[in-house]
C-alpha atoms as a PDB file:
ATOM      1  CA  ALA A   1      40.673 -18.254  68.947  1.00  0.00           C
ATOM      2  CA  GLU A   2      40.470 -14.730  67.598  1.00  0.00           C
ATOM      3  CA  ASN A   3      43.267 -15.551  65.161  1.00  0.00           C
ATOM      4  CA  GLY A   4      41.461 -18.682  63.959  1.00  0.00           C
ATOM      5  CA  ARG A   5      38.268 -16.714  63.368  1.00  0.00           C
ATOM      6  CA  GLU A   6      40.178 -14.074  61.402  1.00  0.00           C
ATOM      7  CA  GLU A   7      41.750 -16.853  59.328  1.00  0.00           C
ATOM      8  CA  ALA A   8      38.292 -18.357  58.611  1.00  0.00           C
ATOM      9  CA  LEU A   9      36.968 -14.934  57.544  1.00  0.00           C
ATOM     10  CA  LYS A  10      39.996 -14.434  55.263  1.00  0.00           C
ATOM     11  CA  ASP A  11      39.397 -17.855  53.708  1.00  0.00           C
ATOM     12  CA  GLN A  12      35.715 -17.045  53.257  1.00  0.00           C
ATOM     13  CA  LEU A  13      36.602 -13.679  51.678  1.00  0.00           C
ATOM     14  CA  GLN A  14      39.128 -15.369  49.359  1.00  0.00           C
ATOM     15  CA  GLY A  15      36.509 -17.963  48.378  1.00  0.00           C
ATOM     16  CA  LEU A  16      33.990 -15.214  47.580  1.00  0.00           C
ATOM     17  CA  THR A  17      36.640 -13.265  45.640  1.00  0.00           C
ATOM     18  CA  ASP A  18      37.503 -16.389  43.610  1.00  0.00           C
ATOM     19  CA  LYS A  19      33.801 -16.996  42.867  1.00  0.00           C
ATOM     20  CA  LEU A  20      33.394 -13.346  41.817  1.00  0.00           C
ATOM     21  CA  LEU A  21      36.378 -13.578  39.454  1.00  0.00           C
ATOM     22  CA  GLU A  22      35.057 -16.860  38.026  1.00  0.00           C
ATOM     23  CA  THR A  23      31.619 -15.301  37.512  1.00  0.00           C
ATOM     24  CA  GLU A  24      33.122 -12.224  35.839  1.00  0.00           C
ATOM     25  CA  SER A  25      35.164 -14.502  33.580  1.00  0.00           C
ATOM     26  CA  LYS A  26      32.003 -16.452  32.630  1.00  0.00           C
ATOM     27  CA  ILE A  27      30.208 -13.168  31.952  1.00  0.00           C
ATOM     28  CA  ASP A  28      33.063 -12.001  29.708  1.00  0.00           C
ATOM     29  CA  MET A  29      32.981 -15.319  27.826  1.00  0.00           C
ATOM     30  CA  LYS A  30      29.203 -15.004  27.353  1.00  0.00           C
ATOM     31  CA  LYS A  31      29.638 -11.426  26.091  1.00  0.00           C
ATOM     32  CA  LEU A  32      32.211 -12.594  23.537  1.00  0.00           C
ATOM     33  CA  GLU A  33      29.964 -15.471  22.493  1.00  0.00           C
ATOM     34  CA  MET A  34      26.982 -13.144  22.078  1.00  0.00           C
ATOM     35  CA  GLU A  35      29.049 -10.623  20.112  1.00  0.00           C
ATOM     36  CA  SER A  36      30.240 -13.425  17.854  1.00  0.00           C
ATOM     37  CA  GLN A  37      26.662 -14.647  17.357  1.00  0.00           C
ATOM     38  CA  SER A  38      25.525 -11.090  16.731  1.00  0.00           C
ATOM     39  CA  GLN A  39      28.192 -10.679  14.028  1.00  0.00           C
ATOM     40  CA  LEU A  40      27.155 -14.002  12.478  1.00  0.00           C
ATOM     41  CA  VAL A  41      23.497 -12.931  12.434  1.00  0.00           C
ATOM     42  CA  GLU A  42      24.484  -9.584  10.908  1.00  0.00           C
ATOM     43  CA  LYS A  43      26.470 -11.375   8.193  1.00  0.00           C
ATOM     44  CA  GLN A  44      23.531 -13.694   7.483  1.00  0.00           C
ATOM     45  CA  LEU A  45      21.199 -10.697   7.241  1.00  0.00           C
ATOM     46  CA  GLN A  46      23.546  -9.057   4.740  1.00  0.00           C
ATOM     47  CA  GLU A  47      23.634 -12.267   2.669  1.00  0.00           C
ATOM     48  CA  ILE A  48      19.835 -12.444   2.702  1.00  0.00           C
ATOM     49  CA  GLU A  49      19.596  -8.793   1.636  1.00  0.00           C
ATOM     50  CA  GLN A  50      22.030  -9.482  -1.230  1.00  0.00           C
ATOM     51  CA  GLN A  51      19.999 -12.516  -2.303  1.00  0.00           C
ATOM     52  CA  MET A  52      16.792 -10.481  -2.187  1.00  0.00           C
ATOM     53  CA  ALA A  53      18.414  -7.773  -4.316  1.00  0.00           C
ATOM     54  CA  ALA A  54      19.568 -10.415  -6.815  1.00  0.00           C
ATOM     55  CA  VAL A  55      16.056 -11.897  -6.977  1.00  0.00           C
ATOM     56  CA  ALA A  56      14.578  -8.423  -7.482  1.00  0.00           C
ATOM     57  CA  GLU A  57      17.065  -7.796 -10.319  1.00  0.00           C
ATOM     58  CA  GLU A  58      16.138 -11.145 -11.911  1.00  0.00           C
ATOM     59  CA  ARG A  59      12.459 -10.192 -11.724  1.00  0.00           C
ATOM     60  CA  VAL A  60      13.189  -6.869 -13.407  1.00  0.00           C
ATOM     61  CA  GLU A  61      15.080  -8.717 -16.176  1.00  0.00           C
ATOM     62  CA  GLU A  62      12.216 -11.217 -16.549  1.00  0.00           C
ATOM     63  CA  GLN A  63       9.698  -8.377 -16.747  1.00  0.00           C
ATOM     64  CA  ARG A  64      11.813  -6.637 -19.391  1.00  0.00           C
ATOM     65  CA  ALA A  65      12.075  -9.862 -21.400  1.00  0.00           C
ATOM     66  CA  ALA A  66       8.337 -10.495 -21.087  1.00  0.00           C
ATOM     67  CA  GLN A  67       7.621  -6.915 -22.189  1.00  0.00           C
ATOM     68  CA  ALA A  68       9.932  -7.343 -25.181  1.00  0.00           C
ATOM     69  CA  VAL A  69       8.048 -10.517 -26.160  1.00  0.00           C
ATOM     70  CA  ARG A  70       4.715  -8.699 -25.785  1.00  0.00           C
ATOM     71  CA  ASP A  71       6.022  -5.767 -27.840  1.00  0.00           C
ATOM     72  CA  ASN A  72       7.288  -8.103 -30.579  1.00  0.00           C
ATOM     73  CA  LEU A  73       3.997 -10.013 -30.631  1.00  0.00           C
ATOM     74  CA  GLU A  74       2.027  -6.777 -30.781  1.00  0.00           C
ATOM     75  CA  GLN A  75       4.234  -5.528 -33.623  1.00  0.00           C
ATOM     76  CA  TYR A  76       3.733  -8.825 -35.483  1.00  0.00           C
ATOM     77  CA  MET A  77      -0.049  -8.652 -34.971  1.00  0.00           C
ATOM     78  CA  ASN A  78      -0.040  -5.061 -36.215  1.00  0.00           C
ATOM     79  CA  ASP A  79       2.126  -5.957 -39.210  1.00  0.00           C
ATOM     80  CA  ARG A  80       0.254  -9.161 -40.015  1.00  0.00           C
ATOM     81  CA  PRO A  81      -2.496  -7.551 -42.146  1.00  0.00           C
ATOM     82  CA  SER A  82       0.090  -5.649 -44.182  1.00  0.00           C
ATOM     83  CA  LEU A  83       2.222  -8.806 -44.498  1.00  0.00           C
ATOM     84  CA  GLY A  84      -0.833 -10.665 -45.766  1.00  0.00           C
ATOM     85  CA  LYS A  85      -1.551  -7.855 -48.232  1.00  0.00           C
ATOM     86  CA  LYS A  86       2.103  -7.855 -49.365  1.00  0.00           C
ATOM     87  CA  ILE A  87       2.047 -11.631 -49.952  1.00  0.00           C
ATOM     88  CA  GLU A  88      -1.269 -11.303 -51.773  1.00  0.00           C
ATOM     89  CA  LEU A  89       0.224  -8.633 -54.060  1.00  0.00           C
ATOM     90  CA  GLU A  90       3.287 -10.842 -54.705  1.00  0.00           C
ATOM     91  CA  ILE A  91       1.011 -13.768 -55.614  1.00  0.00           C
ATOM     92  CA  GLN A  92      -0.979 -11.535 -57.963  1.00  0.00           C
ATOM     93  CA  GLU A  93       2.276 -10.324 -59.557  1.00  0.00           C
ATOM     94  CA  MET A  94       3.442 -13.936 -60.045  1.00  0.00           C
ATOM     95  CA  GLN A  95       0.063 -14.877 -61.525  1.00  0.00           C
ATOM     96  CA  ARG A  96       0.314 -11.907 -63.878  1.00  0.00           C
ATOM     97  CA  GLN A  97       3.811 -12.987 -64.925  1.00  0.00           C
ATOM     98  CA  VAL A  98       2.628 -16.587 -65.436  1.00  0.00           C
ATOM     99  CA  SER A  99      -0.301 -15.297 -67.537  1.00  0.00           C
ATOM    100  CA  ALA A 100       2.077 -13.120 -69.569  1.00  0.00           C
ATOM    101  CA  LEU A 101       4.395 -16.094 -70.138  1.00  0.00           C
ATOM    102  CA  GLN A 102       1.421 -18.251 -71.152  1.00  0.00           C
ATOM    103  CA  GLU A 103       0.264 -15.607 -73.614  1.00  0.00           C
ATOM    104  CA  GLU A 104       3.774 -15.401 -75.075  1.00  0.00           C
ATOM    105  CA  ALA A 105       3.883 -19.162 -75.361  1.00  0.00           C
ATOM    106  CA  GLU A 106       0.606 -19.241 -77.273  1.00  0.00           C
END
C-alpha cells in the first residue's frame, strides 16, 4: 500500500512538473509575441515620425514658396508706379516722334 501511495505521489508530482513546463513554455511564447509586437509598434512609431518630418519639411517649402510669391507681388506693387511712369514717358516719346514726322511731312 505504501508503494502504491508513493507511486501516486510520483505521478502527481510528474503531472505538476509537466503543467509547470507547459506554463513556462506558454509564458516564453507570450514574451516572444509581446517582443515582436513591441518591435512592430516601434517600427510604426518610427514611420510616423518620418512622415511627420516629411510633412513639416513640405510645410517649410510651402511657406518659402508663399513668401517668395508675397515678395514678388510686393516688388511688383512697389515697381508699378515707376513702370507706369516709364510707359507714360515712352508714350510721350512716341507722340513726340509722331509729331516730328508729321511736321516733316507737312
